[in-house]
Amino acid sequence: MHHRAAVSTIVLVAGVLVGCVTENRPATCNADKTTIELTVSASALTPNDPAACRGQIVTMTLDPEVNGVFHIHGLDTVVPATPIRSGEPVTLEFTADRSGQFPIELHLADDPTGLSLGIFTVYER
């Protein structure tokens, strides 16, 4: 009996997670491409909730106010960790190849410990 309860719980949780990745999709979801502009400071990402839809070509423009390494966890194969320098805009272009929520982290030049800045969400179309 415990096995069935565990399976039911897993199915329920999976259903909730899929719902989270299909609701509140960006208005640009039907487009083949999207552009996201982000300001990166030592303590914040503006906006802190960038989003795209699976299959879109994403152009992410970073306006850094600090030196460090910009990193989106879980998307390392399509968006490698990227060095940023204050005042030098950086453009990243990649295909959002899978849906989910991916933590955005900044590794400051003088502190290798990552600082969580926000979440990049890739929605299902």
PDB file of N, CA and C in Angstrom:
ATOM      1  N   MET A   1       0.811  -1.191   0.000  1.00  0.00           N
ATOM      2  CA  MET A   1       0.000   0.000   0.000  1.00  0.00           C
ATOM      3  C   MET A   1       0.857   1.259   0.000  1.00  0.00           C
ATOM      4  N   HIS A   2       1.980   1.209   0.707  1.00  0.00           N
ATOM      5  CA  HIS A   2       2.858   2.378   0.751  1.00  0.00           C
ATOM      6  C   HIS A   2       3.422   2.695  -0.623  1.00  0.00           C
ATOM      7  N   HIS A   3       3.676   1.681  -1.428  1.00  0.00           N
ATOM      8  CA  HIS A   3       4.220   1.881  -2.771  1.00  0.00           C
ATOM      9  C   HIS A   3       3.241   2.668  -3.643  1.00  0.00           C
ATOM     10  N   ARG A   4       1.957   2.342  -3.577  1.00  0.00           N
ATOM     11  CA  ARG A   4       0.959   3.063  -4.374  1.00  0.00           C
ATOM     12  C   ARG A   4       0.854   4.522  -3.945  1.00  0.00           C
ATOM     13  N   ALA A   5       0.925   4.766  -2.647  1.00  0.00           N
ATOM     14  CA  ALA A   5       0.848   6.143  -2.144  1.00  0.00           C
ATOM     15  C   ALA A   5       2.046   6.945  -2.644  1.00  0.00           C
ATOM     16  N   ALA A   6       3.217   6.316  -2.639  1.00  0.00           N
ATOM     17  CA  ALA A   6       4.420   7.006  -3.114  1.00  0.00           C
ATOM     18  C   ALA A   6       4.310   7.314  -4.604  1.00  0.00           C
ATOM     19  N   VAL A   7       3.828   6.357  -5.388  1.00  0.00           N
ATOM     20  CA  VAL A   7       3.667   6.574  -6.823  1.00  0.00           C
ATOM     21  C   VAL A   7       2.651   7.678  -7.082  1.00  0.00           C
ATOM     22  N   SER A   8       1.549   7.687  -6.336  1.00  0.00           N
ATOM     23  CA  SER A   8       0.532   8.739  -6.492  1.00  0.00           C
ATOM     24  C   SER A   8       1.106  10.105  -6.173  1.00  0.00           C
ATOM     25  N   THR A   9       1.922  10.179  -5.141  1.00  0.00           N
ATOM     26  CA  THR A   9       2.544  11.448  -4.761  1.00  0.00           C
ATOM     27  C   THR A   9       3.492  11.929  -5.852  1.00  0.00           C
ATOM     28  N   ILE A  10       4.276  11.000  -6.421  1.00  0.00           N
ATOM     29  CA  ILE A  10       5.210  11.369  -7.489  1.00  0.00           C
ATOM     30  C   ILE A  10       4.452  11.870  -8.705  1.00  0.00           C
ATOM     31  N   VAL A  11       3.376  11.202  -9.085  1.00  0.00           N
ATOM     32  CA  VAL A  11       2.576  11.625 -10.232  1.00  0.00           C
ATOM     33  C   VAL A  11       1.980  13.006  -9.980  1.00  0.00           C
ATOM     34  N   LEU A  12       1.476  13.246  -8.771  1.00  0.00           N
ATOM     35  CA  LEU A  12       0.904  14.543  -8.423  1.00  0.00           C
ATOM     36  C   LEU A  12       1.966  15.641  -8.507  1.00  0.00           C
ATOM     37  N   VAL A  13       3.146  15.404  -7.952  1.00  0.00           N
ATOM     38  CA  VAL A  13       4.226  16.387  -7.977  1.00  0.00           C
ATOM     39  C   VAL A  13       4.647  16.655  -9.415  1.00  0.00           C
ATOM     40  N   ALA A  14       4.788  15.622 -10.238  1.00  0.00           N
ATOM     41  CA  ALA A  14       5.164  15.802 -11.640  1.00  0.00           C
ATOM     42  C   ALA A  14       4.125  16.645 -12.362  1.00  0.00           C
ATOM     43  N   GLY A  15       2.856  16.414 -12.094  1.00  0.00           N
ATOM     44  CA  GLY A  15       1.792  17.207 -12.717  1.00  0.00           C
ATOM     45  C   GLY A  15       1.867  18.665 -12.322  1.00  0.00           C
ATOM     46  N   VAL A  16       2.167  18.929 -11.068  1.00  0.00           N
ATOM     47  CA  VAL A  16       2.284  20.310 -10.591  1.00  0.00           C
ATOM     48  C   VAL A  16       3.474  20.993 -11.259  1.00  0.00           C
ATOM     49  N   LEU A  17       4.618  20.298 -11.375  1.00  0.00           N
ATOM     50  CA  LEU A  17       5.799  20.891 -11.988  1.00  0.00           C
ATOM     51  C   LEU A  17       5.567  21.206 -13.457  1.00  0.00           C
ATOM     52  N   VAL A  18       4.890  20.327 -14.181  1.00  0.00           N
ATOM     53  CA  VAL A  18       4.590  20.602 -15.577  1.00  0.00           C
ATOM     54  C   VAL A  18       3.675  21.809 -15.678  1.00  0.00           C
ATOM     55  N   GLY A  19       2.692  21.915 -14.792  1.00  0.00           N
ATOM     56  CA  GLY A  19       1.794  23.069 -14.779  1.00  0.00           C
ATOM     57  C   GLY A  19       2.548  24.364 -14.578  1.00  0.00           C
ATOM     58  N   CYS A  20       3.578  24.332 -13.748  1.00  0.00           N
ATOM     59  CA  CYS A  20       4.365  25.533 -13.478  1.00  0.00           C
ATOM     60  C   CYS A  20       5.127  25.988 -14.716  1.00  0.00           C
ATOM     61  N   VAL A  21       5.446  25.062 -15.618  1.00  0.00           N
ATOM     62  CA  VAL A  21       6.259  25.405 -16.768  1.00  0.00           C
ATOM     63  C   VAL A  21       5.395  25.702 -17.998  1.00  0.00           C
ATOM     64  N   THR A  22       4.073  25.643 -17.864  1.00  0.00           N
ATOM     65  CA  THR A  22       3.212  25.988 -18.990  1.00  0.00           C
ATOM     66  C   THR A  22       2.362  27.221 -18.692  1.00  0.00           C
ATOM     67  N   GLU A  23       2.115  27.521 -17.428  1.00  0.00           N
ATOM     68  CA  GLU A  23       1.329  28.699 -17.063  1.00  0.00           C
ATOM     69  C   GLU A  23       2.221  29.939 -17.070  1.00  0.00           C
ATOM     70  N   ASN A  24       1.605  31.096 -17.260  1.00  0.00           N
ATOM     71  CA  ASN A  24       2.314  32.385 -17.202  1.00  0.00           C
ATOM     72  C   ASN A  24       3.418  32.507 -18.248  1.00  0.00           C
ATOM     73  N   ARG A  25       3.206  31.894 -19.409  1.00  0.00           N
ATOM     74  CA  ARG A  25       4.213  31.975 -20.464  1.00  0.00           C
ATOM     75  C   ARG A  25       4.370  33.415 -20.948  1.00  0.00           C
ATOM     76  N   PRO A  26       5.572  33.772 -21.413  1.00  0.00           N
ATOM     77  CA  PRO A  26       5.785  35.134 -21.923  1.00  0.00           C
ATOM     78  C   PRO A  26       4.958  35.384 -23.193  1.00  0.00           C
ATOM     79  N   ALA A  27       4.640  36.633 -23.437  1.00  0.00           N
ATOM     80  CA  ALA A  27       3.850  37.020 -24.616  1.00  0.00           C
ATOM     81  C   ALA A  27       4.570  36.663 -25.910  1.00  0.00           C
ATOM     82  N   THR A  28       5.885  36.554 -25.866  1.00  0.00           N
ATOM     83  CA  THR A  28       6.682  36.248 -27.060  1.00  0.00           C
ATOM     84  C   THR A  28       6.791  34.751 -27.331  1.00  0.00           C
ATOM     85  N   CYS A  29       6.034  33.942 -26.614  1.00  0.00           N
ATOM     86  CA  CYS A  29       6.176  32.485 -26.686  1.00  0.00           C
ATOM     87  C   CYS A  29       5.970  31.917 -28.090  1.00  0.00           C
ATOM     88  N   ASN A  30       5.115  32.527 -28.892  1.00  0.00           N
ATOM     89  CA  ASN A  30       4.854  32.005 -30.235  1.00  0.00           C
ATOM     90  C   ASN A  30       5.905  32.425 -31.259  1.00  0.00           C
ATOM     91  N   ALA A  31       6.781  33.331 -30.899  1.00  0.00           N
ATOM     92  CA  ALA A  31       7.836  33.790 -31.811  1.00  0.00           C
ATOM     93  C   ALA A  31       8.988  32.778 -31.828  1.00  0.00           C
ATOM     94  N   ASP A  32       9.724  32.746 -32.934  1.00  0.00           N
ATOM     95  CA  ASP A  32      10.874  31.848 -33.039  1.00  0.00           C
ATOM     96  C   ASP A  32      12.061  32.346 -32.228  1.00  0.00           C
ATOM     97  N   LYS A  33      12.102  33.686 -31.993  1.00  0.00           N
ATOM     98  CA  LYS A  33      13.223  34.301 -31.286  1.00  0.00           C
ATOM     99  C   LYS A  33      12.703  35.225 -30.194  1.00  0.00           C
ATOM    100  N   THR A  34      13.527  35.433 -29.183  1.00  0.00           N
ATOM    101  CA  THR A  34      13.208  36.417 -28.150  1.00  0.00           C
ATOM    102  C   THR A  34      14.503  37.076 -27.682  1.00  0.00           C
ATOM    103  N   THR A  35      14.395  38.328 -27.278  1.00  0.00           N
ATOM    104  CA  THR A  35      15.538  39.068 -26.754  1.00  0.00           C
ATOM    105  C   THR A  35      15.256  39.442 -25.305  1.00  0.00           C
ATOM    106  N   ILE A  36      16.223  39.188 -24.448  1.00  0.00           N
ATOM    107  CA  ILE A  36      16.094  39.477 -23.019  1.00  0.00           C
ATOM    108  C   ILE A  36      17.251  40.387 -22.631  1.00  0.00           C
ATOM    109  N   GLU A  37      16.930  41.552 -22.062  1.00  0.00           N
ATOM    110  CA  GLU A  37      17.959  42.485 -21.606  1.00  0.00           C
ATOM    111  C   GLU A  37      18.036  42.431 -20.089  1.00  0.00           C
ATOM    112  N   LEU A  38      19.244  42.224 -19.574  1.00  0.00           N
ATOM    113  CA  LEU A  38      19.448  42.075 -18.133  1.00  0.00           C
ATOM    114  C   LEU A  38      20.554  42.994 -17.642  1.00  0.00           C
ATOM    115  N   THR A  39      20.331  43.602 -16.492  1.00  0.00           N
ATOM    116  CA  THR A  39      21.375  44.360 -15.803  1.00  0.00           C
ATOM    117  C   THR A  39      21.886  43.488 -14.666  1.00  0.00           C
ATOM    118  N   VAL A  40      23.198  43.315 -14.595  1.00  0.00           N
ATOM    119  CA  VAL A  40      23.817  42.458 -13.588  1.00  0.00           C
ATOM    120  C   VAL A  40      24.612  43.332 -12.626  1.00  0.00           C
ATOM    121  N   SER A  41      24.201  43.337 -11.351  1.00  0.00           N
ATOM    122  CA  SER A  41      24.962  44.067 -10.329  1.00  0.00           C
ATOM    123  C   SER A  41      25.529  43.052  -9.340  1.00  0.00           C
ATOM    124  N   ALA A  42      26.230  43.535  -8.329  1.00  0.00           N
ATOM    125  CA  ALA A  42      26.850  42.649  -7.347  1.00  0.00           C
ATOM    126  C   ALA A  42      25.823  41.920  -6.495  1.00  0.00           C
ATOM    127  N   SER A  43      24.585  42.409  -6.460  1.00  0.00           N
ATOM    128  CA  SER A  43      23.594  41.778  -5.588  1.00  0.00           C
ATOM    129  C   SER A  43      22.251  41.517  -6.255  1.00  0.00           C
ATOM    130  N   ALA A  44      22.101  41.881  -7.542  1.00  0.00           N
ATOM    131  CA  ALA A  44      20.794  41.724  -8.168  1.00  0.00           C
ATOM    132  C   ALA A  44      20.902  41.560  -9.679  1.00  0.00           C
ATOM    133  N   LEU A  45      19.838  40.985 -10.222  1.00  0.00           N
ATOM    134  CA  LEU A  45      19.651  40.846 -11.654  1.00  0.00           C
ATOM    135  C   LEU A  45      18.342  41.545 -11.969  1.00  0.00           C
ATOM    136  N   THR A  46      18.350  42.457 -12.943  1.00  0.00           N
ATOM    137  CA  THR A  46      17.133  43.196 -13.270  1.00  0.00           C
ATOM    138  C   THR A  46      16.792  42.997 -14.731  1.00  0.00           C
ATOM    139  N   PRO A  47      15.619  42.417 -15.033  1.00  0.00           N
ATOM    140  CA  PRO A  47      14.690  41.789 -14.099  1.00  0.00           C
ATOM    141  C   PRO A  47      15.255  40.459 -13.594  1.00  0.00           C
ATOM    142  N   ASN A  48      14.760  39.985 -12.453  1.00  0.00           N
ATOM    143  CA  ASN A  48      15.320  38.773 -11.855  1.00  0.00           C
ATOM    144  C   ASN A  48      14.581  37.506 -12.278  1.00  0.00           C
ATOM    145  N   ASP A  49      13.615  37.647 -13.190  1.00  0.00           N
ATOM    146  CA  ASP A  49      12.831  36.481 -13.623  1.00  0.00           C
ATOM    147  C   ASP A  49      12.731  36.383 -15.145  1.00  0.00           C
ATOM    148  N   PRO A  50      13.863  36.394 -15.857  1.00  0.00           N
ATOM    149  CA  PRO A  50      13.797  36.302 -17.314  1.00  0.00           C
ATOM    150  C   PRO A  50      13.170  34.980 -17.746  1.00  0.00           C
ATOM    151  N   ALA A  51      12.494  35.003 -18.898  1.00  0.00           N
ATOM    152  CA  ALA A  51      11.814  33.797 -19.359  1.00  0.00           C
ATOM    153  C   ALA A  51      11.827  33.708 -20.878  1.00  0.00           C
ATOM    154  N   ALA A  52      11.743  32.481 -21.361  1.00  0.00           N
ATOM    155  CA  ALA A  52      11.642  32.185 -22.796  1.00  0.00           C
ATOM    156  C   ALA A  52      10.809  30.919 -22.913  1.00  0.00           C
ATOM    157  N   CYS A  53      10.609  30.460 -24.142  1.00  0.00           N
ATOM    158  CA  CYS A  53       9.870  29.221 -24.363  1.00  0.00           C
ATOM    159  C   CYS A  53      10.757  28.218 -25.077  1.00  0.00           C
ATOM    160  N   ARG A  54      10.513  26.948 -24.791  1.00  0.00           N
ATOM    161  CA  ARG A  54      11.340  25.878 -25.352  1.00  0.00           C
ATOM    162  C   ARG A  54      11.341  25.954 -26.873  1.00  0.00           C
ATOM    163  N   GLY A  55      12.533  25.837 -27.440  1.00  0.00           N
ATOM    164  CA  GLY A  55      12.700  25.893 -28.882  1.00  0.00           C
ATOM    165  C   GLY A  55      13.027  27.273 -29.414  1.00  0.00           C
ATOM    166  N   GLN A  56      12.876  28.314 -28.592  1.00  0.00           N
ATOM    167  CA  GLN A  56      13.181  29.667 -29.049  1.00  0.00           C
ATOM    168  C   GLN A  56      14.686  29.903 -29.092  1.00  0.00           C
ATOM    169  N   ILE A  57      15.088  30.741 -30.048  1.00  0.00           N
ATOM    170  CA  ILE A  57      16.452  31.243 -30.060  1.00  0.00           C
ATOM    171  C   ILE A  57      16.440  32.467 -29.151  1.00  0.00           C
ATOM    172  N   VAL A  58      17.265  32.424 -28.118  1.00  0.00           N
ATOM    173  CA  VAL A  58      17.288  33.477 -27.108  1.00  0.00           C
ATOM    174  C   VAL A  58      18.535  34.333 -27.302  1.00  0.00           C
ATOM    175  N   THR A  59      18.328  35.640 -27.401  1.00  0.00           N
ATOM    176  CA  THR A  59      19.435  36.583 -27.380  1.00  0.00           C
ATOM    177  C   THR A  59      19.353  37.271 -26.024  1.00  0.00           C
ATOM    178  N   MET A  60      20.342  37.006 -25.175  1.00  0.00           N
ATOM    179  CA  MET A  60      20.368  37.561 -23.825  1.00  0.00           C
ATOM    180  C   MET A  60      21.477  38.604 -23.787  1.00  0.00           C
ATOM    181  N   THR A  61      21.082  39.866 -23.577  1.00  0.00           N
ATOM    182  CA  THR A  61      22.043  40.958 -23.533  1.00  0.00           C
ATOM    183  C   THR A  61      22.285  41.327 -22.074  1.00  0.00           C
ATOM    184  N   LEU A  62      23.532  41.222 -21.645  1.00  0.00           N
ATOM    185  CA  LEU A  62      23.897  41.527 -20.266  1.00  0.00           C
ATOM    186  C   LEU A  62      24.555  42.898 -20.204  1.00  0.00           C
ATOM    187  N   ASP A  63      24.107  43.704 -19.241  1.00  0.00           N
ATOM    188  CA  ASP A  63      24.719  45.000 -18.967  1.00  0.00           C
ATOM    189  C   ASP A  63      25.338  44.892 -17.572  1.00  0.00           C
ATOM    190  N   PRO A  64      26.604  44.460 -17.487  1.00  0.00           N
ATOM    191  CA  PRO A  64      27.217  44.237 -16.180  1.00  0.00           C
ATOM    192  C   PRO A  64      27.671  45.521 -15.492  1.00  0.00           C
ATOM    193  N   GLU A  65      27.427  45.552 -14.199  1.00  0.00           N
ATOM    194  CA  GLU A  65      27.903  46.652 -13.361  1.00  0.00           C
ATOM    195  C   GLU A  65      29.059  46.192 -12.473  1.00  0.00           C
ATOM    196  N   VAL A  66      29.459  44.919 -12.645  1.00  0.00           N
ATOM    197  CA  VAL A  66      30.526  44.311 -11.844  1.00  0.00           C
ATOM    198  C   VAL A  66      31.354  43.383 -12.728  1.00  0.00           C
ATOM    199  N   ASN A  67      32.514  42.998 -12.218  1.00  0.00           N
ATOM    200  CA  ASN A  67      33.349  42.004 -12.880  1.00  0.00           C
ATOM    201  C   ASN A  67      33.067  40.641 -12.258  1.00  0.00           C
ATOM    202  N   GLY A  68      33.042  39.608 -13.089  1.00  0.00           N
ATOM    203  CA  GLY A  68      32.821  38.267 -12.561  1.00  0.00           C
ATOM    204  C   GLY A  68      32.499  37.286 -13.666  1.00  0.00           C
ATOM    205  N   VAL A  69      31.813  36.214 -13.279  1.00  0.00           N
ATOM    206  CA  VAL A  69      31.408  35.183 -14.232  1.00  0.00           C
ATOM    207  C   VAL A  69      29.911  34.968 -14.083  1.00  0.00           C
ATOM    208  N   PHE A  70      29.181  35.113 -15.187  1.00  0.00           N
ATOM    209  CA  PHE A  70      27.730  34.932 -15.254  1.00  0.00           C
ATOM    210  C   PHE A  70      27.462  33.473 -15.620  1.00  0.00           C
ATOM    211  N   HIS A  71      26.557  32.828 -14.868  1.00  0.00           N
ATOM    212  CA  HIS A  71      26.356  31.392 -15.045  1.00  0.00           C
ATOM    213  C   HIS A  71      24.884  31.033 -14.871  1.00  0.00           C
ATOM    214  N   ILE A  72      24.343  30.255 -15.816  1.00  0.00           N
ATOM    215  CA  ILE A  72      22.980  29.727 -15.697  1.00  0.00           C
ATOM    216  C   ILE A  72      23.099  28.232 -15.453  1.00  0.00           C
ATOM    217  N   HIS A  73      22.827  27.815 -14.218  1.00  0.00           N
ATOM    218  CA  HIS A  73      22.951  26.403 -13.850  1.00  0.00           C
ATOM    219  C   HIS A  73      21.959  25.552 -14.625  1.00  0.00           C
ATOM    220  N   GLY A  74      22.439  24.426 -15.127  1.00  0.00           N
ATOM    221  CA  GLY A  74      21.582  23.492 -15.830  1.00  0.00           C
ATOM    222  C   GLY A  74      21.544  23.708 -17.331  1.00  0.00           C
ATOM    223  N   LEU A  75      22.065  24.841 -17.788  1.00  0.00           N
ATOM    224  CA  LEU A  75      22.113  25.114 -19.225  1.00  0.00           C
ATOM    225  C   LEU A  75      23.557  25.254 -19.713  1.00  0.00           C
ATOM    226  N   ASP A  76      24.471  24.639 -18.988  1.00  0.00           N
ATOM    227  CA  ASP A  76      25.902  24.766 -19.267  1.00  0.00           C
ATOM    228  C   ASP A  76      26.278  24.374 -20.688  1.00  0.00           C
ATOM    229  N   THR A  77      25.558  23.421 -21.274  1.00  0.00           N
ATOM    230  CA  THR A  77      25.928  22.964 -22.611  1.00  0.00           C
ATOM    231  C   THR A  77      25.544  23.968 -23.694  1.00  0.00           C
ATOM    232  N   VAL A  78      24.531  24.796 -23.441  1.00  0.00           N
ATOM    233  CA  VAL A  78      24.122  25.788 -24.450  1.00  0.00           C
ATOM    234  C   VAL A  78      24.538  27.208 -24.081  1.00  0.00           C
ATOM    235  N   VAL A  79      24.764  27.457 -22.786  1.00  0.00           N
ATOM    236  CA  VAL A  79      25.209  28.775 -22.317  1.00  0.00           C
ATOM    237  C   VAL A  79      26.368  28.549 -21.346  1.00  0.00           C
ATOM    238  N   PRO A  80      27.594  28.524 -21.847  1.00  0.00           N
ATOM    239  CA  PRO A  80      28.717  28.310 -20.928  1.00  0.00           C
ATOM    240  C   PRO A  80      28.870  29.489 -19.966  1.00  0.00           C
ATOM    241  N   ALA A  81      29.496  29.226 -18.815  1.00  0.00           N
ATOM    242  CA  ALA A  81      29.806  30.295 -17.874  1.00  0.00           C
ATOM    243  C   ALA A  81      30.582  31.367 -18.634  1.00  0.00           C
ATOM    244  N   THR A  82      30.158  32.629 -18.462  1.00  0.00           N
ATOM    245  CA  THR A  82      30.682  33.716 -19.286  1.00  0.00           C
ATOM    246  C   THR A  82      31.294  34.821 -18.428  1.00  0.00           C
ATOM    247  N   PRO A  83      32.563  35.161 -18.662  1.00  0.00           N
ATOM    248  CA  PRO A  83      33.171  36.282 -17.944  1.00  0.00           C
ATOM    249  C   PRO A  83      32.481  37.591 -18.335  1.00  0.00           C
ATOM    250  N   ILE A  84      32.233  38.446 -17.346  1.00  0.00           N
ATOM    251  CA  ILE A  84      31.655  39.767 -17.603  1.00  0.00           C
ATOM    252  C   ILE A  84      32.534  40.824 -16.941  1.00  0.00           C
ATOM    253  N   ARG A  85      32.534  42.018 -17.546  1.00  0.00           N
ATOM    254  CA  ARG A  85      33.292  43.145 -17.001  1.00  0.00           C
ATOM    255  C   ARG A  85      32.384  44.363 -16.928  1.00  0.00           C
ATOM    256  N   SER A  86      32.485  45.081 -15.861  1.00  0.00           N
ATOM    257  CA  SER A  86      31.662  46.272 -15.639  1.00  0.00           C
ATOM    258  C   SER A  86      31.756  47.226 -16.828  1.00  0.00           C
ATOM    259  N   GLY A  87      30.592  47.645 -17.313  1.00  0.00           N
ATOM    260  CA  GLY A  87      30.532  48.612 -18.395  1.00  0.00           C
ATOM    261  C   GLY A  87      30.735  48.034 -19.790  1.00  0.00           C
ATOM    262  N   GLU A  88      30.935  46.707 -19.899  1.00  0.00           N
ATOM    263  CA  GLU A  88      31.144  46.077 -21.196  1.00  0.00           C
ATOM    264  C   GLU A  88      30.001  45.096 -21.481  1.00  0.00           C
ATOM    265  N   PRO A  89      28.999  45.525 -22.252  1.00  0.00           N
ATOM    266  CA  PRO A  89      27.863  44.646 -22.547  1.00  0.00           C
ATOM    267  C   PRO A  89      28.310  43.342 -23.217  1.00  0.00           C
ATOM    268  N   VAL A  90      27.574  42.285 -22.898  1.00  0.00           N
ATOM    269  CA  VAL A  90      27.853  40.959 -23.446  1.00  0.00           C
ATOM    270  C   VAL A  90      26.548  40.410 -24.018  1.00  0.00           C
ATOM    271  N   THR A  91      26.627  39.812 -25.201  1.00  0.00           N
ATOM    272  CA  THR A  91      25.446  39.192 -25.799  1.00  0.00           C
ATOM    273  C   THR A  91      25.647  37.686 -25.873  1.00  0.00           C
ATOM    274  N   LEU A  92      24.693  36.952 -25.313  1.00  0.00           N
ATOM    275  CA  LEU A  92      24.695  35.495 -25.368  1.00  0.00           C
ATOM    276  C   LEU A  92      23.555  35.068 -26.279  1.00  0.00           C
ATOM    277  N   GLU A  93      23.813  34.143 -27.184  1.00  0.00           N
ATOM    278  CA  GLU A  93      22.747  33.642 -28.046  1.00  0.00           C
ATOM    279  C   GLU A  93      22.744  32.123 -27.968  1.00  0.00           C
ATOM    280  N   PHE A  94      21.554  31.558 -27.712  1.00  0.00           N
ATOM    281  CA  PHE A  94      21.434  30.118 -27.558  1.00  0.00           C
ATOM    282  C   PHE A  94      19.995  29.697 -27.820  1.00  0.00           C
ATOM    283  N   THR A  95      19.801  28.410 -28.018  1.00  0.00           N
ATOM    284  CA  THR A  95      18.456  27.864 -28.179  1.00  0.00           C
ATOM    285  C   THR A  95      18.016  27.282 -26.845  1.00  0.00           C
ATOM    286  N   ALA A  96      16.857  27.691 -26.373  1.00  0.00           N
ATOM    287  CA  ALA A  96      16.295  27.160 -25.126  1.00  0.00           C
ATOM    288  C   ALA A  96      15.799  25.748 -25.433  1.00  0.00           C
ATOM    289  N   ASP A  97      16.660  24.759 -25.203  1.00  0.00           N
ATOM    290  CA  ASP A  97      16.379  23.413 -25.673  1.00  0.00           C
ATOM    291  C   ASP A  97      15.572  22.538 -24.725  1.00  0.00           C
ATOM    292  N   ARG A  98      15.334  23.015 -23.508  1.00  0.00           N
ATOM    293  CA  ARG A  98      14.491  22.245 -22.588  1.00  0.00           C
ATOM    294  C   ARG A  98      13.810  23.162 -21.598  1.00  0.00           C
ATOM    295  N   SER A  99      12.634  22.732 -21.168  1.00  0.00           N
ATOM    296  CA  SER A  99      11.871  23.559 -20.235  1.00  0.00           C
ATOM    297  C   SER A  99      12.331  23.295 -18.804  1.00  0.00           C
ATOM    298  N   GLY A 100      12.065  24.267 -17.952  1.00  0.00           N
ATOM    299  CA  GLY A 100      12.414  24.148 -16.543  1.00  0.00           C
ATOM    300  C   GLY A 100      12.792  25.495 -15.966  1.00  0.00           C
ATOM    301  N   GLN A 101      13.228  25.458 -14.717  1.00  0.00           N
ATOM    302  CA  GLN A 101      13.691  26.662 -14.039  1.00  0.00           C
ATOM    303  C   GLN A 101      15.170  26.491 -13.728  1.00  0.00           C
ATOM    304  N   PHE A 102      15.963  27.496 -14.127  1.00  0.00           N
ATOM    305  CA  PHE A 102      17.406  27.392 -14.052  1.00  0.00           C
ATOM    306  C   PHE A 102      17.968  28.571 -13.249  1.00  0.00           C
ATOM    307  N   PRO A 103      18.623  28.288 -12.107  1.00  0.00           N
ATOM    308  CA  PRO A 103      19.188  29.356 -11.281  1.00  0.00           C
ATOM    309  C   PRO A 103      20.281  30.127 -12.017  1.00  0.00           C
ATOM    310  N   ILE A 104      20.227  31.447 -11.879  1.00  0.00           N
ATOM    311  CA  ILE A 104      21.253  32.323 -12.446  1.00  0.00           C
ATOM    312  C   ILE A 104      22.171  32.736 -11.307  1.00  0.00           C
ATOM    313  N   GLU A 105      23.466  32.575 -11.542  1.00  0.00           N
ATOM    314  CA  GLU A 105      24.433  32.838 -10.495  1.00  0.00           C
ATOM    315  C   GLU A 105      25.534  33.758 -11.014  1.00  0.00           C
ATOM    316  N   LEU A 106      26.056  34.561 -10.124  1.00  0.00           N
ATOM    317  CA  LEU A 106      27.193  35.425 -10.428  1.00  0.00           C
ATOM    318  C   LEU A 106      28.340  35.024  -9.522  1.00  0.00           C
ATOM    319  N   HIS A 107      29.489  34.801 -10.123  1.00  0.00           N
ATOM    320  CA  HIS A 107      30.708  34.544  -9.364  1.00  0.00           C
ATOM    321  C   HIS A 107      31.546  35.808  -9.500  1.00  0.00           C
ATOM    322  N   LEU A 108      31.609  36.609  -8.438  1.00  0.00           N
ATOM    323  CA  LEU A 108      32.372  37.856  -8.461  1.00  0.00           C
ATOM    324  C   LEU A 108      33.859  37.556  -8.615  1.00  0.00           C
ATOM    325  N   ALA A 109      34.566  38.470  -9.245  1.00  0.00           N
ATOM    326  CA  ALA A 109      35.986  38.285  -9.523  1.00  0.00           C
ATOM    327  C   ALA A 109      36.797  38.050  -8.248  1.00  0.00           C
ATOM    328  N   ASP A 110      36.441  38.720  -7.157  1.00  0.00           N
ATOM    329  CA  ASP A 110      37.215  38.593  -5.926  1.00  0.00           C
ATOM    330  C   ASP A 110      36.616  37.574  -4.951  1.00  0.00           C
ATOM    331  N   ASP A 111      35.559  36.840  -5.377  1.00  0.00           N
ATOM    332  CA  ASP A 111      34.915  35.856  -4.514  1.00  0.00           C
ATOM    333  C   ASP A 111      34.355  34.725  -5.375  1.00  0.00           C
ATOM    334  N   PRO A 112      35.030  33.561  -5.390  1.00  0.00           N
ATOM    335  CA  PRO A 112      34.590  32.472  -6.251  1.00  0.00           C
ATOM    336  C   PRO A 112      33.267  31.823  -5.825  1.00  0.00           C
ATOM    337  N   THR A 113      32.788  32.120  -4.628  1.00  0.00           N
ATOM    338  CA  THR A 113      31.510  31.580  -4.184  1.00  0.00           C
ATOM    339  C   THR A 113      30.391  32.226  -4.995  1.00  0.00           C
ATOM    340  N   GLY A 114      29.497  31.425  -5.512  1.00  0.00           N
ATOM    341  CA  GLY A 114      28.424  31.947  -6.347  1.00  0.00           C
ATOM    342  C   GLY A 114      27.365  32.688  -5.560  1.00  0.00           C
ATOM    343  N   LEU A 115      26.839  33.733  -6.179  1.00  0.00           N
ATOM    344  CA  LEU A 115      25.772  34.538  -5.600  1.00  0.00           C
ATOM    345  C   LEU A 115      24.525  34.352  -6.460  1.00  0.00           C
ATOM    346  N   SER A 116      23.453  33.848  -5.873  1.00  0.00           N
ATOM    347  CA  SER A 116      22.220  33.610  -6.624  1.00  0.00           C
ATOM    348  C   SER A 116      21.533  34.935  -6.936  1.00  0.00           C
ATOM    349  N   LEU A 117      21.246  35.171  -8.236  1.00  0.00           N
ATOM    350  CA  LEU A 117      20.641  36.438  -8.654  1.00  0.00           C
ATOM    351  C   LEU A 117      19.202  36.306  -9.119  1.00  0.00           C
ATOM    352  N   GLY A 118      18.788  35.132  -9.561  1.00  0.00           N
ATOM    353  CA  GLY A 118      17.434  34.979 -10.080  1.00  0.00           C
ATOM    354  C   GLY A 118      17.237  33.623 -10.712  1.00  0.00           C
ATOM    355  N   ILE A 119      16.119  33.481 -11.418  1.00  0.00           N
ATOM    356  CA  ILE A 119      15.756  32.223 -12.067  1.00  0.00           C
ATOM    357  C   ILE A 119      15.404  32.505 -13.519  1.00  0.00           C
ATOM    358  N   PHE A 120      15.998  31.729 -14.435  1.00  0.00           N
ATOM    359  CA  PHE A 120      15.633  31.773 -15.846  1.00  0.00           C
ATOM    360  C   PHE A 120      14.655  30.631 -16.080  1.00  0.00           C
ATOM    361  N   THR A 121      13.433  30.970 -16.516  1.00  0.00           N
ATOM    362  CA  THR A 121      12.413  29.949 -16.737  1.00  0.00           C
ATOM    363  C   THR A 121      12.211  29.744 -18.229  1.00  0.00           C
ATOM    364  N   VAL A 122      12.238  28.475 -18.629  1.00  0.00           N
ATOM    365  CA  VAL A 122      11.941  28.107 -20.010  1.00  0.00           C
ATOM    366  C   VAL A 122      10.611  27.353 -19.974  1.00  0.00           C
ATOM    367  N   TYR A 123       9.603  27.961 -20.592  1.00  0.00           N
ATOM    368  CA  TYR A 123       8.246  27.409 -20.611  1.00  0.00           C
ATOM    369  C   TYR A 123       8.043  26.498 -21.813  1.00  0.00           C
ATOM    370  N   GLU A 124       7.095  25.594 -21.694  1.00  0.00           N
ATOM    371  CA  GLU A 124       6.650  24.799 -22.839  1.00  0.00           C
ATOM    372  C   GLU A 124       5.822  25.715 -23.715  1.00  0.00           C
ATOM    373  N   ARG A 125       5.825  25.479 -25.011  1.00  0.00           N
ATOM    374  CA  ARG A 125       5.036  26.283 -25.941  1.00  0.00           C
ATOM    375  C   ARG A 125       3.595  25.880 -25.920  1.00  0.00           C
TER     376      ARG A 125
END
